[in-house]
PDB file of all heavy atoms in Angstrom:
ATOM      1  N   ARG A   1     -11.193  27.163  71.343  1.00  0.00           N
ATOM      2  CA  ARG A   1     -10.964  26.141  70.333  1.00  0.00           C
ATOM      3  C   ARG A   1     -10.924  26.776  68.954  1.00  0.00           C
ATOM      4  O   ARG A   1     -11.623  27.750  68.682  1.00  0.00           O
ATOM      5  CB  ARG A   1     -12.052  25.063  70.412  1.00  0.00           C
ATOM      6  CG  ARG A   1     -11.967  24.204  71.679  1.00  0.00           C
ATOM      7  CD  ARG A   1     -12.978  23.068  71.641  1.00  0.00           C
ATOM      8  NE  ARG A   1     -14.345  23.555  71.742  1.00  0.00           N
ATOM      9  CZ  ARG A   1     -14.996  23.710  72.893  1.00  0.00           C
ATOM     10  NH1 ARG A   1     -14.391  23.431  74.058  1.00  0.00           N
ATOM     11  NH2 ARG A   1     -16.234  24.139  72.904  1.00  0.00           N
ATOM     12  N   HIS A   2     -10.090  26.204  68.087  1.00  0.00           N
ATOM     13  CA  HIS A   2      -9.794  26.815  66.804  1.00  0.00           C
ATOM     14  C   HIS A   2     -11.055  27.185  66.026  1.00  0.00           C
ATOM     15  O   HIS A   2     -11.898  26.322  65.694  1.00  0.00           O
ATOM     16  CB  HIS A   2      -8.954  25.853  65.969  1.00  0.00           C
ATOM     17  CG  HIS A   2      -8.621  26.380  64.599  1.00  0.00           C
ATOM     18  ND1 HIS A   2      -8.087  27.631  64.382  1.00  0.00           N
ATOM     19  CD2 HIS A   2      -8.780  25.810  63.370  1.00  0.00           C
ATOM     20  CE1 HIS A   2      -7.922  27.808  63.112  1.00  0.00           C
ATOM     21  NE2 HIS A   2      -8.325  26.744  62.453  1.00  0.00           N
ATOM     22  N   ASN A   3     -11.194  28.497  65.779  1.00  0.00           N
ATOM     23  CA  ASN A   3     -12.304  29.053  64.995  1.00  0.00           C
ATOM     24  C   ASN A   3     -13.676  28.692  65.551  1.00  0.00           C
ATOM     25  O   ASN A   3     -14.684  28.721  64.817  1.00  0.00           O
ATOM     26  CB  ASN A   3     -12.200  28.610  63.532  1.00  0.00           C
ATOM     27  CG  ASN A   3     -11.201  29.450  62.750  1.00  0.00           C
ATOM     28  OD1 ASN A   3     -10.738  30.481  63.213  1.00  0.00           O
ATOM     29  ND2 ASN A   3     -10.867  28.988  61.550  1.00  0.00           N
ATOM     30  N   ASP A   4     -13.747  28.361  66.838  1.00  0.00           N
ATOM     31  CA  ASP A   4     -15.007  27.976  67.481  1.00  0.00           C
ATOM     32  C   ASP A   4     -15.598  29.209  68.154  1.00  0.00           C
ATOM     33  O   ASP A   4     -15.235  29.570  69.276  1.00  0.00           O
ATOM     34  CB  ASP A   4     -14.756  26.865  68.505  1.00  0.00           C
ATOM     35  CG  ASP A   4     -16.028  26.286  69.088  1.00  0.00           C
ATOM     36  OD1 ASP A   4     -17.059  27.001  69.089  1.00  0.00           O
ATOM     37  OD2 ASP A   4     -15.992  25.126  69.555  1.00  0.00           O
ATOM     38  N   MET A   5     -16.533  29.866  67.467  1.00  0.00           N
ATOM     39  CA  MET A   5     -17.088  31.109  67.964  1.00  0.00           C
ATOM     40  C   MET A   5     -18.019  30.901  69.160  1.00  0.00           C
ATOM     41  O   MET A   5     -18.161  31.800  69.999  1.00  0.00           O
ATOM     42  CB  MET A   5     -17.822  31.841  66.836  1.00  0.00           C
ATOM     43  CG  MET A   5     -16.906  32.310  65.716  1.00  0.00           C
ATOM     44  SD  MET A   5     -15.639  33.501  66.230  1.00  0.00           S
ATOM     45  CE  MET A   5     -14.207  32.421  66.506  1.00  0.00           C
ATOM     46  N   GLU A   6     -18.642  29.745  69.274  1.00  0.00           N
ATOM     47  CA  GLU A   6     -19.472  29.467  70.444  1.00  0.00           C
ATOM     48  C   GLU A   6     -18.615  29.337  71.690  1.00  0.00           C
ATOM     49  O   GLU A   6     -18.983  29.798  72.774  1.00  0.00           O
ATOM     50  CB  GLU A   6     -20.312  28.211  70.218  1.00  0.00           C
ATOM     51  CG  GLU A   6     -21.459  28.410  69.250  1.00  0.00           C
ATOM     52  CD  GLU A   6     -22.352  29.586  69.641  1.00  0.00           C
ATOM     53  OE1 GLU A   6     -22.764  29.659  70.823  1.00  0.00           O
ATOM     54  OE2 GLU A   6     -22.629  30.445  68.771  1.00  0.00           O
ATOM     55  N   HIS A   7     -17.457  28.688  71.539  1.00  0.00           N
ATOM     56  CA  HIS A   7     -16.541  28.581  72.679  1.00  0.00           C
ATOM     57  C   HIS A   7     -15.993  29.955  73.053  1.00  0.00           C
ATOM     58  O   HIS A   7     -15.879  30.286  74.251  1.00  0.00           O
ATOM     59  CB  HIS A   7     -15.394  27.630  72.348  1.00  0.00           C
ATOM     60  CG  HIS A   7     -14.532  27.306  73.536  1.00  0.00           C
ATOM     61  ND1 HIS A   7     -13.182  27.112  73.446  1.00  0.00           N
ATOM     62  CD2 HIS A   7     -14.852  27.154  74.851  1.00  0.00           C
ATOM     63  CE1 HIS A   7     -12.698  26.843  74.649  1.00  0.00           C
ATOM     64  NE2 HIS A   7     -13.682  26.865  75.519  1.00  0.00           N
ATOM     65  N   LEU A   8     -15.679  30.778  72.076  1.00  0.00           N
ATOM     66  CA  LEU A   8     -15.227  32.139  72.358  1.00  0.00           C
ATOM     67  C   LEU A   8     -16.324  32.923  73.061  1.00  0.00           C
ATOM     68  O   LEU A   8     -16.041  33.654  74.033  1.00  0.00           O
ATOM     69  CB  LEU A   8     -14.812  32.842  71.073  1.00  0.00           C
ATOM     70  CG  LEU A   8     -14.427  34.324  71.211  1.00  0.00           C
ATOM     71  CD1 LEU A   8     -13.307  34.519  72.229  1.00  0.00           C
ATOM     72  CD2 LEU A   8     -14.027  34.900  69.857  1.00  0.00           C
ATOM     73  N   ARG A   9     -17.540  32.797  72.602  1.00  0.00           N
ATOM     74  CA  ARG A   9     -18.654  33.500  73.265  1.00  0.00           C
ATOM     75  C   ARG A   9     -18.766  33.087  74.732  1.00  0.00           C
ATOM     76  O   ARG A   9     -18.979  33.917  75.616  1.00  0.00           O
ATOM     77  CB  ARG A   9     -19.961  33.218  72.528  1.00  0.00           C
ATOM     78  CG  ARG A   9     -21.179  33.907  73.152  1.00  0.00           C
ATOM     79  CD  ARG A   9     -22.457  33.503  72.443  1.00  0.00           C
ATOM     80  NE  ARG A   9     -22.483  34.022  71.091  1.00  0.00           N
ATOM     81  CZ  ARG A   9     -22.865  35.261  70.771  1.00  0.00           C
ATOM     82  NH1 ARG A   9     -23.236  36.104  71.732  1.00  0.00           N
ATOM     83  NH2 ARG A   9     -22.877  35.652  69.536  1.00  0.00           N
ATOM     84  N   PHE A  10     -18.627  31.778  74.982  1.00  0.00           N
ATOM     85  CA  PHE A  10     -18.693  31.278  76.360  1.00  0.00           C
ATOM     86  C   PHE A  10     -17.616  31.920  77.218  1.00  0.00           C
ATOM     87  O   PHE A  10     -17.855  32.363  78.349  1.00  0.00           O
ATOM     88  CB  PHE A  10     -18.546  29.759  76.362  1.00  0.00           C
ATOM     89  CG  PHE A  10     -18.269  29.171  77.715  1.00  0.00           C
ATOM     90  CD1 PHE A  10     -19.302  28.998  78.634  1.00  0.00           C
ATOM     91  CD2 PHE A  10     -16.978  28.809  78.092  1.00  0.00           C
ATOM     92  CE1 PHE A  10     -19.047  28.476  79.897  1.00  0.00           C
ATOM     93  CE2 PHE A  10     -16.715  28.280  79.340  1.00  0.00           C
ATOM     94  CZ  PHE A  10     -17.752  28.122  80.255  1.00  0.00           C
ATOM     95  N   LEU A  11     -16.394  31.987  76.680  1.00  0.00           N
ATOM     96  CA  LEU A  11     -15.286  32.570  77.439  1.00  0.00           C
ATOM     97  C   LEU A  11     -15.458  34.080  77.632  1.00  0.00           C
ATOM     98  O   LEU A  11     -15.163  34.614  78.705  1.00  0.00           O
ATOM     99  CB  LEU A  11     -13.972  32.281  76.726  1.00  0.00           C
ATOM    100  CG  LEU A  11     -13.529  30.816  76.702  1.00  0.00           C
ATOM    101  CD1 LEU A  11     -12.306  30.641  75.815  1.00  0.00           C
ATOM    102  CD2 LEU A  11     -13.235  30.311  78.111  1.00  0.00           C
ATOM    103  N   LEU A  12     -15.950  34.765  76.617  1.00  0.00           N
ATOM    104  CA  LEU A  12     -16.204  36.202  76.753  1.00  0.00           C
ATOM    105  C   LEU A  12     -17.237  36.469  77.831  1.00  0.00           C
ATOM    106  O   LEU A  12     -17.127  37.437  78.609  1.00  0.00           O
ATOM    107  CB  LEU A  12     -16.670  36.773  75.417  1.00  0.00           C
ATOM    108  CG  LEU A  12     -15.588  37.006  74.365  1.00  0.00           C
ATOM    109  CD1 LEU A  12     -16.202  37.173  72.984  1.00  0.00           C
ATOM    110  CD2 LEU A  12     -14.725  38.215  74.712  1.00  0.00           C
ATOM    111  N   SER A  13     -18.249  35.631  77.884  1.00  0.00           N
ATOM    112  CA  SER A  13     -19.273  35.780  78.920  1.00  0.00           C
ATOM    113  C   SER A  13     -18.693  35.488  80.297  1.00  0.00           C
ATOM    114  O   SER A  13     -18.991  36.187  81.277  1.00  0.00           O
ATOM    115  CB  SER A  13     -20.447  34.838  78.627  1.00  0.00           C
ATOM    116  OG  SER A  13     -21.431  34.942  79.630  1.00  0.00           O
ATOM    117  N   LYS A  14     -17.861  34.465  80.363  1.00  0.00           N
ATOM    118  CA  LYS A  14     -17.237  34.071  81.640  1.00  0.00           C
ATOM    119  C   LYS A  14     -16.375  35.194  82.202  1.00  0.00           C
ATOM    120  O   LYS A  14     -16.335  35.419  83.425  1.00  0.00           O
ATOM    121  CB  LYS A  14     -16.406  32.811  81.438  1.00  0.00           C
ATOM    122  CG  LYS A  14     -15.678  32.330  82.668  1.00  0.00           C
ATOM    123  CD  LYS A  14     -14.856  31.078  82.362  1.00  0.00           C
ATOM    124  CE  LYS A  14     -14.065  30.619  83.584  1.00  0.00           C
ATOM    125  NZ  LYS A  14     -13.264  29.400  83.282  1.00  0.00           N
ATOM    126  N   TYR A  15     -15.653  35.897  81.333  1.00  0.00           N
ATOM    127  CA  TYR A  15     -14.736  36.938  81.769  1.00  0.00           C
ATOM    128  C   TYR A  15     -15.248  38.340  81.465  1.00  0.00           C
ATOM    129  O   TYR A  15     -14.467  39.286  81.377  1.00  0.00           O
ATOM    130  CB  TYR A  15     -13.375  36.752  81.086  1.00  0.00           C
ATOM    131  CG  TYR A  15     -12.648  35.494  81.489  1.00  0.00           C
ATOM    132  CD1 TYR A  15     -12.644  34.376  80.659  1.00  0.00           C
ATOM    133  CD2 TYR A  15     -11.945  35.432  82.692  1.00  0.00           C
ATOM    134  CE1 TYR A  15     -11.965  33.223  81.013  1.00  0.00           C
ATOM    135  CE2 TYR A  15     -11.253  34.287  83.059  1.00  0.00           C
ATOM    136  CZ  TYR A  15     -11.279  33.179  82.213  1.00  0.00           C
ATOM    137  OH  TYR A  15     -10.607  32.039  82.572  1.00  0.00           O
ATOM    138  N   ARG A  16     -16.546  38.480  81.367  1.00  0.00           N
ATOM    139  CA  ARG A  16     -17.096  39.752  80.904  1.00  0.00           C
ATOM    140  C   ARG A  16     -16.800  40.902  81.871  1.00  0.00           C
ATOM    141  O   ARG A  16     -16.824  42.080  81.475  1.00  0.00           O
ATOM    142  CB  ARG A  16     -18.598  39.625  80.667  1.00  0.00           C
ATOM    143  CG  ARG A  16     -19.450  39.420  81.890  1.00  0.00           C
ATOM    144  CD  ARG A  16     -20.910  39.125  81.490  1.00  0.00           C
ATOM    145  NE  ARG A  16     -21.359  40.042  80.466  1.00  0.00           N
ATOM    146  CZ  ARG A  16     -22.226  39.730  79.483  1.00  0.00           C
ATOM    147  NH1 ARG A  16     -22.714  38.506  79.407  1.00  0.00           N
ATOM    148  NH2 ARG A  16     -22.594  40.624  78.610  1.00  0.00           N
ATOM    149  N   ASP A  17     -16.511  40.607  83.128  1.00  0.00           N
ATOM    150  CA  ASP A  17     -16.269  41.672  84.101  1.00  0.00           C
ATOM    151  C   ASP A  17     -14.799  42.085  84.201  1.00  0.00           C
ATOM    152  O   ASP A  17     -14.445  42.955  84.996  1.00  0.00           O
ATOM    153  CB  ASP A  17     -16.754  41.224  85.494  1.00  0.00           C
ATOM    154  CG  ASP A  17     -18.269  41.062  85.537  1.00  0.00           C
ATOM    155  OD1 ASP A  17     -18.950  41.779  84.798  1.00  0.00           O
ATOM    156  OD2 ASP A  17     -18.751  40.217  86.317  1.00  0.00           O
ATOM    157  N   LYS A  18     -13.942  41.468  83.386  1.00  0.00           N
ATOM    158  CA  LYS A  18     -12.540  41.870  83.374  1.00  0.00           C
ATOM    159  C   LYS A  18     -12.410  43.315  82.885  1.00  0.00           C
ATOM    160  O   LYS A  18     -13.217  43.799  82.074  1.00  0.00           O
ATOM    161  CB  LYS A  18     -11.729  40.943  82.470  1.00  0.00           C
ATOM    162  CG  LYS A  18     -11.521  39.554  83.046  1.00  0.00           C
ATOM    163  CD  LYS A  18     -10.482  39.562  84.162  1.00  0.00           C
ATOM    164  CE  LYS A  18     -10.182  38.157  84.633  1.00  0.00           C
ATOM    165  NZ  LYS A  18      -9.123  38.133  85.673  1.00  0.00           N
ATOM    166  N   ARG A  19     -11.367  43.989  83.356  1.00  0.00           N
ATOM    167  CA  ARG A  19     -11.191  45.404  83.009  1.00  0.00           C
ATOM    168  C   ARG A  19     -10.994  45.583  81.505  1.00  0.00           C
ATOM    169  O   ARG A  19     -11.711  46.350  80.858  1.00  0.00           O
ATOM    170  CB  ARG A  19      -9.999  45.964  83.778  1.00  0.00           C
ATOM    171  CG  ARG A  19      -9.737  47.435  83.513  1.00  0.00           C
ATOM    172  CD  ARG A  19      -8.482  47.897  84.224  1.00  0.00           C
ATOM    173  NE  ARG A  19      -7.357  46.993  83.910  1.00  0.00           N
ATOM    174  CZ  ARG A  19      -6.152  47.121  84.449  1.00  0.00           C
ATOM    175  NH1 ARG A  19      -5.918  48.070  85.329  1.00  0.00           N
ATOM    176  NH2 ARG A  19      -5.177  46.292  84.118  1.00  0.00           N
ATOM    177  N   ARG A  20      -9.984  44.913  80.943  1.00  0.00           N
ATOM    178  CA  ARG A  20      -9.741  45.008  79.513  1.00  0.00           C
ATOM    179  C   ARG A  20      -9.771  43.623  78.910  1.00  0.00           C
ATOM    180  O   ARG A  20      -9.225  42.672  79.456  1.00  0.00           O
ATOM    181  CB  ARG A  20      -8.365  45.643  79.228  1.00  0.00           C
ATOM    182  CG  ARG A  20      -8.248  47.090  79.663  1.00  0.00           C
ATOM    183  CD  ARG A  20      -6.850  47.625  79.355  1.00  0.00           C
ATOM    184  NE  ARG A  20      -6.604  48.868  80.064  1.00  0.00           N
ATOM    185  CZ  ARG A  20      -5.404  49.297  80.434  1.00  0.00           C
ATOM    186  NH1 ARG A  20      -4.340  48.558  80.141  1.00  0.00           N
ATOM    187  NH2 ARG A  20      -5.253  50.432  81.066  1.00  0.00           N
ATOM    188  N   LYS A  21     -10.403  43.548  77.747  1.00  0.00           N
ATOM    189  CA  LYS A  21     -10.534  42.262  77.028  1.00  0.00           C
ATOM    190  C   LYS A  21      -9.979  42.442  75.628  1.00  0.00           C
ATOM    191  O   LYS A  21     -10.364  43.363  74.913  1.00  0.00           O
ATOM    192  CB  LYS A  21     -11.994  41.820  76.991  1.00  0.00           C
ATOM    193  CG  LYS A  21     -12.604  41.582  78.356  1.00  0.00           C
ATOM    194  CD  LYS A  21     -14.069  41.211  78.283  1.00  0.00           C
ATOM    195  CE  LYS A  21     -14.951  42.440  78.011  1.00  0.00           C
ATOM    196  NZ  LYS A  21     -14.969  43.379  79.146  1.00  0.00           N
ATOM    197  N   LEU A  22      -9.067  41.543  75.248  1.00  0.00           N
ATOM    198  CA  LEU A  22      -8.426  41.614  73.939  1.00  0.00           C
ATOM    199  C   LEU A  22      -8.602  40.286  73.222  1.00  0.00           C
ATOM    200  O   LEU A  22      -8.180  39.237  73.709  1.00  0.00           O
ATOM    201  CB  LEU A  22      -6.940  41.929  74.087  1.00  0.00           C
ATOM    202  CG  LEU A  22      -6.081  41.886  72.804  1.00  0.00           C
ATOM    203  CD1 LEU A  22      -6.513  42.976  71.831  1.00  0.00           C
ATOM    204  CD2 LEU A  22      -4.593  42.016  73.144  1.00  0.00           C
ATOM    205  N   ILE A  23      -9.240  40.318  72.051  1.00  0.00           N
ATOM    206  CA  ILE A  23      -9.345  39.147  71.191  1.00  0.00           C
ATOM    207  C   ILE A  23      -8.225  39.232  70.163  1.00  0.00           C
ATOM    208  O   ILE A  23      -8.058  40.256  69.498  1.00  0.00           O
ATOM    209  CB  ILE A  23     -10.704  39.092  70.470  1.00  0.00           C
ATOM    210  CG1 ILE A  23     -11.850  39.084  71.475  1.00  0.00           C
ATOM    211  CG2 ILE A  23     -10.789  37.870  69.555  1.00  0.00           C
ATOM    212  CD1 ILE A  23     -13.228  39.276  70.831  1.00  0.00           C
ATOM    213  N   VAL A  24      -7.448  38.148  70.026  1.00  0.00           N
ATOM    214  CA  VAL A  24      -6.335  38.127  69.071  1.00  0.00           C
ATOM    215  C   VAL A  24      -6.460  36.888  68.185  1.00  0.00           C
ATOM    216  O   VAL A  24      -6.714  35.776  68.681  1.00  0.00           O
ATOM    217  CB  VAL A  24      -4.961  38.088  69.770  1.00  0.00           C
ATOM    218  CG1 VAL A  24      -3.849  38.292  68.742  1.00  0.00           C
ATOM    219  CG2 VAL A  24      -4.882  39.132  70.855  1.00  0.00           C
ATOM    220  N   THR A  25      -6.279  37.086  66.888  1.00  0.00           N
ATOM    221  CA  THR A  25      -6.328  35.957  65.968  1.00  0.00           C
ATOM    222  C   THR A  25      -5.382  36.163  64.795  1.00  0.00           C
ATOM    223  O   THR A  25      -5.122  37.308  64.393  1.00  0.00           O
ATOM    224  CB  THR A  25      -7.755  35.737  65.425  1.00  0.00           C
ATOM    225  OG1 THR A  25      -7.791  34.541  64.631  1.00  0.00           O
ATOM    226  CG2 THR A  25      -8.218  36.905  64.572  1.00  0.00           C
ATOM    227  N   ASP A  26      -4.839  35.065  64.286  1.00  0.00           N
ATOM    228  CA  ASP A  26      -4.222  35.100  62.963  1.00  0.00           C
ATOM    229  C   ASP A  26      -5.331  35.285  61.937  1.00  0.00           C
ATOM    230  O   ASP A  26      -6.441  34.774  62.129  1.00  0.00           O
ATOM    231  CB  ASP A  26      -3.499  33.778  62.664  1.00  0.00           C
ATOM    232  CG  ASP A  26      -2.218  33.606  63.453  1.00  0.00           C
ATOM    233  OD1 ASP A  26      -1.770  34.589  64.076  1.00  0.00           O
ATOM    234  OD2 ASP A  26      -1.668  32.495  63.441  1.00  0.00           O
ATOM    235  N   ALA A  27      -5.058  35.969  60.855  1.00  0.00           N
ATOM    236  CA  ALA A  27      -6.024  36.056  59.749  1.00  0.00           C
ATOM    237  C   ALA A  27      -5.995  34.756  58.965  1.00  0.00           C
ATOM    238  O   ALA A  27      -7.044  34.137  58.717  1.00  0.00           O
ATOM    239  CB  ALA A  27      -5.711  37.239  58.850  1.00  0.00           C
ATOM    240  N   VAL A  28      -4.810  34.331  58.552  1.00  0.00           N
ATOM    241  CA  VAL A  28      -4.581  33.019  57.955  1.00  0.00           C
ATOM    242  C   VAL A  28      -3.625  32.273  58.870  1.00  0.00           C
ATOM    243  O   VAL A  28      -2.568  32.796  59.224  1.00  0.00           O
ATOM    244  CB  VAL A  28      -4.003  33.135  56.534  1.00  0.00           C
ATOM    245  CG1 VAL A  28      -3.522  31.777  56.031  1.00  0.00           C
ATOM    246  CG2 VAL A  28      -5.047  33.695  55.569  1.00  0.00           C
ATOM    247  N   PHE A  29      -3.995  31.066  59.265  1.00  0.00           N
ATOM    248  CA  PHE A  29      -3.205  30.322  60.243  1.00  0.00           C
ATOM    249  C   PHE A  29      -2.021  29.655  59.554  1.00  0.00           C
ATOM    250  O   PHE A  29      -2.165  28.977  58.527  1.00  0.00           O
ATOM    251  CB  PHE A  29      -4.101  29.316  60.968  1.00  0.00           C
ATOM    252  CG  PHE A  29      -5.119  29.993  61.841  1.00  0.00           C
ATOM    253  CD1 PHE A  29      -6.348  30.358  61.325  1.00  0.00           C
ATOM    254  CD2 PHE A  29      -4.815  30.315  63.158  1.00  0.00           C
ATOM    255  CE1 PHE A  29      -7.283  31.021  62.122  1.00  0.00           C
ATOM    256  CE2 PHE A  29      -5.740  30.979  63.951  1.00  0.00           C
ATOM    257  CZ  PHE A  29      -6.971  31.333  63.441  1.00  0.00           C
ATOM    258  N   SER A  30      -0.840  29.839  60.167  1.00  0.00           N
ATOM    259  CA  SER A  30       0.413  29.552  59.499  1.00  0.00           C
ATOM    260  C   SER A  30       0.671  28.080  59.221  1.00  0.00           C
ATOM    261  O   SER A  30       1.438  27.754  58.309  1.00  0.00           O
ATOM    262  CB  SER A  30       1.580  30.114  60.323  1.00  0.00           C
ATOM    263  OG  SER A  30       1.614  29.518  61.616  1.00  0.00           O
ATOM    264  N   MET A  31       0.068  27.178  59.969  1.00  0.00           N
ATOM    265  CA  MET A  31       0.342  25.760  59.778  1.00  0.00           C
ATOM    266  C   MET A  31      -0.790  25.020  59.080  1.00  0.00           C
ATOM    267  O   MET A  31      -0.616  23.885  58.630  1.00  0.00           O
ATOM    268  CB  MET A  31       0.632  25.090  61.125  1.00  0.00           C
ATOM    269  CG  MET A  31       1.937  25.543  61.748  1.00  0.00           C
ATOM    270  SD  MET A  31       3.358  25.159  60.695  1.00  0.00           S
ATOM    271  CE  MET A  31       4.121  26.758  60.535  1.00  0.00           C
ATOM    272  N   ASP A  32      -1.964  25.626  59.012  1.00  0.00           N
ATOM    273  CA  ASP A  32      -3.111  24.978  58.371  1.00  0.00           C
ATOM    274  C   ASP A  32      -3.583  25.693  57.115  1.00  0.00           C
ATOM    275  O   ASP A  32      -4.216  25.088  56.260  1.00  0.00           O
ATOM    276  CB  ASP A  32      -4.277  24.887  59.367  1.00  0.00           C
ATOM    277  CG  ASP A  32      -4.004  23.880  60.477  1.00  0.00           C
ATOM    278  OD1 ASP A  32      -3.256  24.222  61.402  1.00  0.00           O
ATOM    279  OD2 ASP A  32      -4.507  22.758  60.399  1.00  0.00           O
TER     280      ASP A  32
END
């Protein structure tokens, strides 16, 4: 969820055993 770091933490924990993990974000979001 947009800029929701708790939700990101939950997902990172859920997929923590994946081989490679990539977090991607816009610095400034183009529509907001």
